[in-house]
Amino acid sequence: MGPNNILMGDESGIDLPVMQPDESFLDEERKMAKYTRTKEFKRIKDWADERIAFYQKYLPSGEPINEKTATRENWIIANTIIAEFNSLLFGYDTAVQAIKEAEEAKQNG
């Protein structure tokens, strides 16, 4: 007798389920993806990129980073700020990719 806890399927194997995204989720992603094509979003993205570049070179106080001022706490603060800006931009990039994949899946049936 075989194991008690196995996946059951036919002889050819198991078909993996296909994820069908919720339409309300896709609506929100469409709005975000559409917003990425606006002048306003470009300004926000450029500003966030500038702030990321700033915190890679300067402490939150505006002092240039050097061995004397680069304490562990200052690095944690700067890296946290950078991560938050990257997270914001990643959310919009993900929305664009999700819509692109949903449209390709729709076309491919």
C-alpha atoms as a PDB file:
ATOM      1  CA  MET A   1       0.000   0.000   0.000  1.00  0.00           C
ATOM      2  CA  GLY A   2       1.293   3.531  -0.936  1.00  0.00           C
ATOM      3  CA  PRO A   3       1.648   6.711   1.063  1.00  0.00           C
ATOM      4  CA  ASN A   4      -1.431   8.211   2.719  1.00  0.00           C
ATOM      5  CA  ASN A   5      -0.767  11.830   1.734  1.00  0.00           C
ATOM      6  CA  ILE A   6      -0.229  12.049  -2.018  1.00  0.00           C
ATOM      7  CA  LEU A   7      -1.723  14.043  -4.866  1.00  0.00           C
ATOM      8  CA  MET A   8      -4.122  12.018  -6.957  1.00  0.00           C
ATOM      9  CA  GLY A   9      -4.252  12.398 -10.715  1.00  0.00           C
ATOM     10  CA  ASP A  10      -4.714  10.425 -13.864  1.00  0.00           C
ATOM     11  CA  GLU A  11      -1.961   8.455 -15.554  1.00  0.00           C
ATOM     12  CA  SER A  12      -0.703  11.460 -17.525  1.00  0.00           C
ATOM     13  CA  GLY A  13      -0.017  13.536 -14.415  1.00  0.00           C
ATOM     14  CA  ILE A  14      -1.585  16.491 -12.741  1.00  0.00           C
ATOM     15  CA  ASP A  15      -2.711  19.641 -14.504  1.00  0.00           C
ATOM     16  CA  LEU A  16      -1.785  22.771 -12.614  1.00  0.00           C
ATOM     17  CA  PRO A  17      -4.595  25.243 -12.042  1.00  0.00           C
ATOM     18  CA  VAL A  18      -4.572  28.393 -14.150  1.00  0.00           C
ATOM     19  CA  MET A  19      -4.917  31.607 -12.206  1.00  0.00           C
ATOM     20  CA  GLN A  20      -7.769  33.798 -13.364  1.00  0.00           C
ATOM     21  CA  PRO A  21      -7.202  37.273 -11.894  1.00  0.00           C
ATOM     22  CA  ASP A  22     -10.159  39.014 -10.327  1.00  0.00           C
ATOM     23  CA  GLU A  23     -11.490  41.703 -12.712  1.00  0.00           C
ATOM     24  CA  SER A  24     -11.546  44.332  -9.936  1.00  0.00           C
ATOM     25  CA  PHE A  25      -7.844  43.638  -9.382  1.00  0.00           C
ATOM     26  CA  LEU A  26      -7.173  44.061 -13.097  1.00  0.00           C
ATOM     27  CA  ASP A  27      -9.169  47.304 -13.154  1.00  0.00           C
ATOM     28  CA  GLU A  28      -6.915  48.783 -10.473  1.00  0.00           C
ATOM     29  CA  GLU A  29      -3.815  47.508 -12.264  1.00  0.00           C
ATOM     30  CA  ARG A  30      -5.081  49.049 -15.530  1.00  0.00           C
ATOM     31  CA  LYS A  31      -5.495  52.415 -13.803  1.00  0.00           C
ATOM     32  CA  MET A  32      -1.985  52.235 -12.392  1.00  0.00           C
ATOM     33  CA  ALA A  33      -0.518  51.115 -15.732  1.00  0.00           C
ATOM     34  CA  LYS A  34      -2.334  53.927 -17.535  1.00  0.00           C
ATOM     35  CA  TYR A  35      -1.057  56.455 -14.997  1.00  0.00           C
ATOM     36  CA  THR A  36       2.557  55.447 -15.743  1.00  0.00           C
ATOM     37  CA  ARG A  37       2.133  56.986 -19.198  1.00  0.00           C
ATOM     38  CA  THR A  38       1.245  60.451 -17.863  1.00  0.00           C
ATOM     39  CA  LYS A  39       3.475  63.505 -17.465  1.00  0.00           C
ATOM     40  CA  GLU A  40       2.564  63.591 -13.785  1.00  0.00           C
ATOM     41  CA  PHE A  41       3.886  60.085 -13.178  1.00  0.00           C
ATOM     42  CA  LYS A  42       7.075  60.893 -15.108  1.00  0.00           C
ATOM     43  CA  ARG A  43       7.634  63.841 -12.756  1.00  0.00           C
ATOM     44  CA  ILE A  44       7.039  61.634  -9.702  1.00  0.00           C
ATOM     45  CA  LYS A  45       9.364  58.937 -11.047  1.00  0.00           C
ATOM     46  CA  ASP A  46      12.091  61.457 -11.859  1.00  0.00           C
ATOM     47  CA  TRP A  47      11.751  62.980  -8.378  1.00  0.00           C
ATOM     48  CA  ALA A  48      11.903  59.556  -6.699  1.00  0.00           C
ATOM     49  CA  ASP A  49      14.965  58.619  -8.771  1.00  0.00           C
ATOM     50  CA  GLU A  50      16.642  61.892  -7.719  1.00  0.00           C
ATOM     51  CA  ARG A  51      15.878  61.191  -4.058  1.00  0.00           C
ATOM     52  CA  ILE A  52      17.256  57.660  -4.376  1.00  0.00           C
ATOM     53  CA  ALA A  53      20.473  59.063  -5.894  1.00  0.00           C
ATOM     54  CA  PHE A  54      20.647  61.646  -3.076  1.00  0.00           C
ATOM     55  CA  TYR A  55      20.359  59.042  -0.305  1.00  0.00           C
ATOM     56  CA  GLN A  56      23.015  56.928  -1.984  1.00  0.00           C
ATOM     57  CA  LYS A  57      25.485  59.818  -1.560  1.00  0.00           C
ATOM     58  CA  TYR A  58      24.220  61.839   1.395  1.00  0.00           C
ATOM     59  CA  LEU A  59      22.901  61.225   4.884  1.00  0.00           C
ATOM     60  CA  PRO A  60      19.301  62.208   5.693  1.00  0.00           C
ATOM     61  CA  SER A  61      20.711  65.412   7.248  1.00  0.00           C
ATOM     62  CA  GLY A  62      22.270  66.358   3.880  1.00  0.00           C
ATOM     63  CA  GLU A  63      25.863  65.675   4.966  1.00  0.00           C
ATOM     64  CA  PRO A  64      28.003  63.865   2.424  1.00  0.00           C
ATOM     65  CA  ILE A  65      28.619  60.271   3.417  1.00  0.00           C
ATOM     66  CA  ASN A  66      32.090  59.618   4.757  1.00  0.00           C
ATOM     67  CA  GLU A  67      33.622  57.157   7.176  1.00  0.00           C
ATOM     68  CA  LYS A  68      33.204  59.505  10.138  1.00  0.00           C
ATOM     69  CA  THR A  69      29.497  60.251   9.622  1.00  0.00           C
ATOM     70  CA  ALA A  70      28.355  56.913   8.184  1.00  0.00           C
ATOM     71  CA  THR A  71      27.043  55.314  11.356  1.00  0.00           C
ATOM     72  CA  ARG A  72      24.967  52.154  11.250  1.00  0.00           C
ATOM     73  CA  GLU A  73      21.828  54.128  12.118  1.00  0.00           C
ATOM     74  CA  ASN A  74      22.392  56.604   9.274  1.00  0.00           C
ATOM     75  CA  TRP A  75      22.831  53.737   6.794  1.00  0.00           C
ATOM     76  CA  ILE A  76      19.645  52.082   8.043  1.00  0.00           C
ATOM     77  CA  ILE A  77      17.680  55.314   7.597  1.00  0.00           C
ATOM     78  CA  ALA A  78      19.072  56.012   4.124  1.00  0.00           C
ATOM     79  CA  ASN A  79      18.571  52.413   2.959  1.00  0.00           C
ATOM     80  CA  THR A  80      15.014  52.367   4.318  1.00  0.00           C
ATOM     81  CA  ILE A  81      14.150  55.540   2.408  1.00  0.00           C
ATOM     82  CA  ILE A  82      15.709  54.129  -0.779  1.00  0.00           C
ATOM     83  CA  ALA A  83      13.781  50.867  -0.339  1.00  0.00           C
ATOM     84  CA  GLU A  84      10.492  52.749   0.085  1.00  0.00           C
ATOM     85  CA  PHE A  85      10.984  54.750  -3.117  1.00  0.00           C
ATOM     86  CA  ASN A  86      11.984  51.581  -4.980  1.00  0.00           C
ATOM     87  CA  SER A  87       8.897  49.828  -3.601  1.00  0.00           C
ATOM     88  CA  LEU A  88       6.641  52.616  -4.839  1.00  0.00           C
ATOM     89  CA  LEU A  89       8.120  52.488  -8.340  1.00  0.00           C
ATOM     90  CA  PHE A  90       8.093  48.677  -8.350  1.00  0.00           C
ATOM     91  CA  GLY A  91       4.342  48.685  -7.647  1.00  0.00           C
ATOM     92  CA  TYR A  92       3.712  50.649 -10.830  1.00  0.00           C
ATOM     93  CA  ASP A  93       6.140  48.514 -12.852  1.00  0.00           C
ATOM     94  CA  THR A  94       4.336  45.415 -11.589  1.00  0.00           C
ATOM     95  CA  ALA A  95       0.970  46.846 -12.653  1.00  0.00           C
ATOM     96  CA  VAL A  96       2.257  47.465 -16.180  1.00  0.00           C
ATOM     97  CA  GLN A  97       3.633  43.914 -16.363  1.00  0.00           C
ATOM     98  CA  ALA A  98       0.414  42.381 -14.961  1.00  0.00           C
ATOM     99  CA  ILE A  99      -1.712  44.110 -17.603  1.00  0.00           C
ATOM    100  CA  LYS A 100       0.682  43.107 -20.361  1.00  0.00           C
ATOM    101  CA  GLU A 101       0.540  39.456 -19.236  1.00  0.00           C
ATOM    102  CA  ALA A 102      -3.258  39.525 -18.860  1.00  0.00           C
ATOM    103  CA  GLU A 103      -3.650  40.901 -22.382  1.00  0.00           C
ATOM    104  CA  GLU A 104      -1.249  38.299 -23.812  1.00  0.00           C
ATOM    105  CA  ALA A 105      -3.120  35.514 -21.997  1.00  0.00           C
ATOM    106  CA  LYS A 106      -6.417  36.827 -23.367  1.00  0.00           C
ATOM    107  CA  GLN A 107      -5.053  36.882 -26.927  1.00  0.00           C
ATOM    108  CA  ASN A 108      -3.577  33.402 -26.627  1.00  0.00           C
ATOM    109  CA  GLY A 109      -6.836  32.040 -25.340  1.00  0.00           C
END
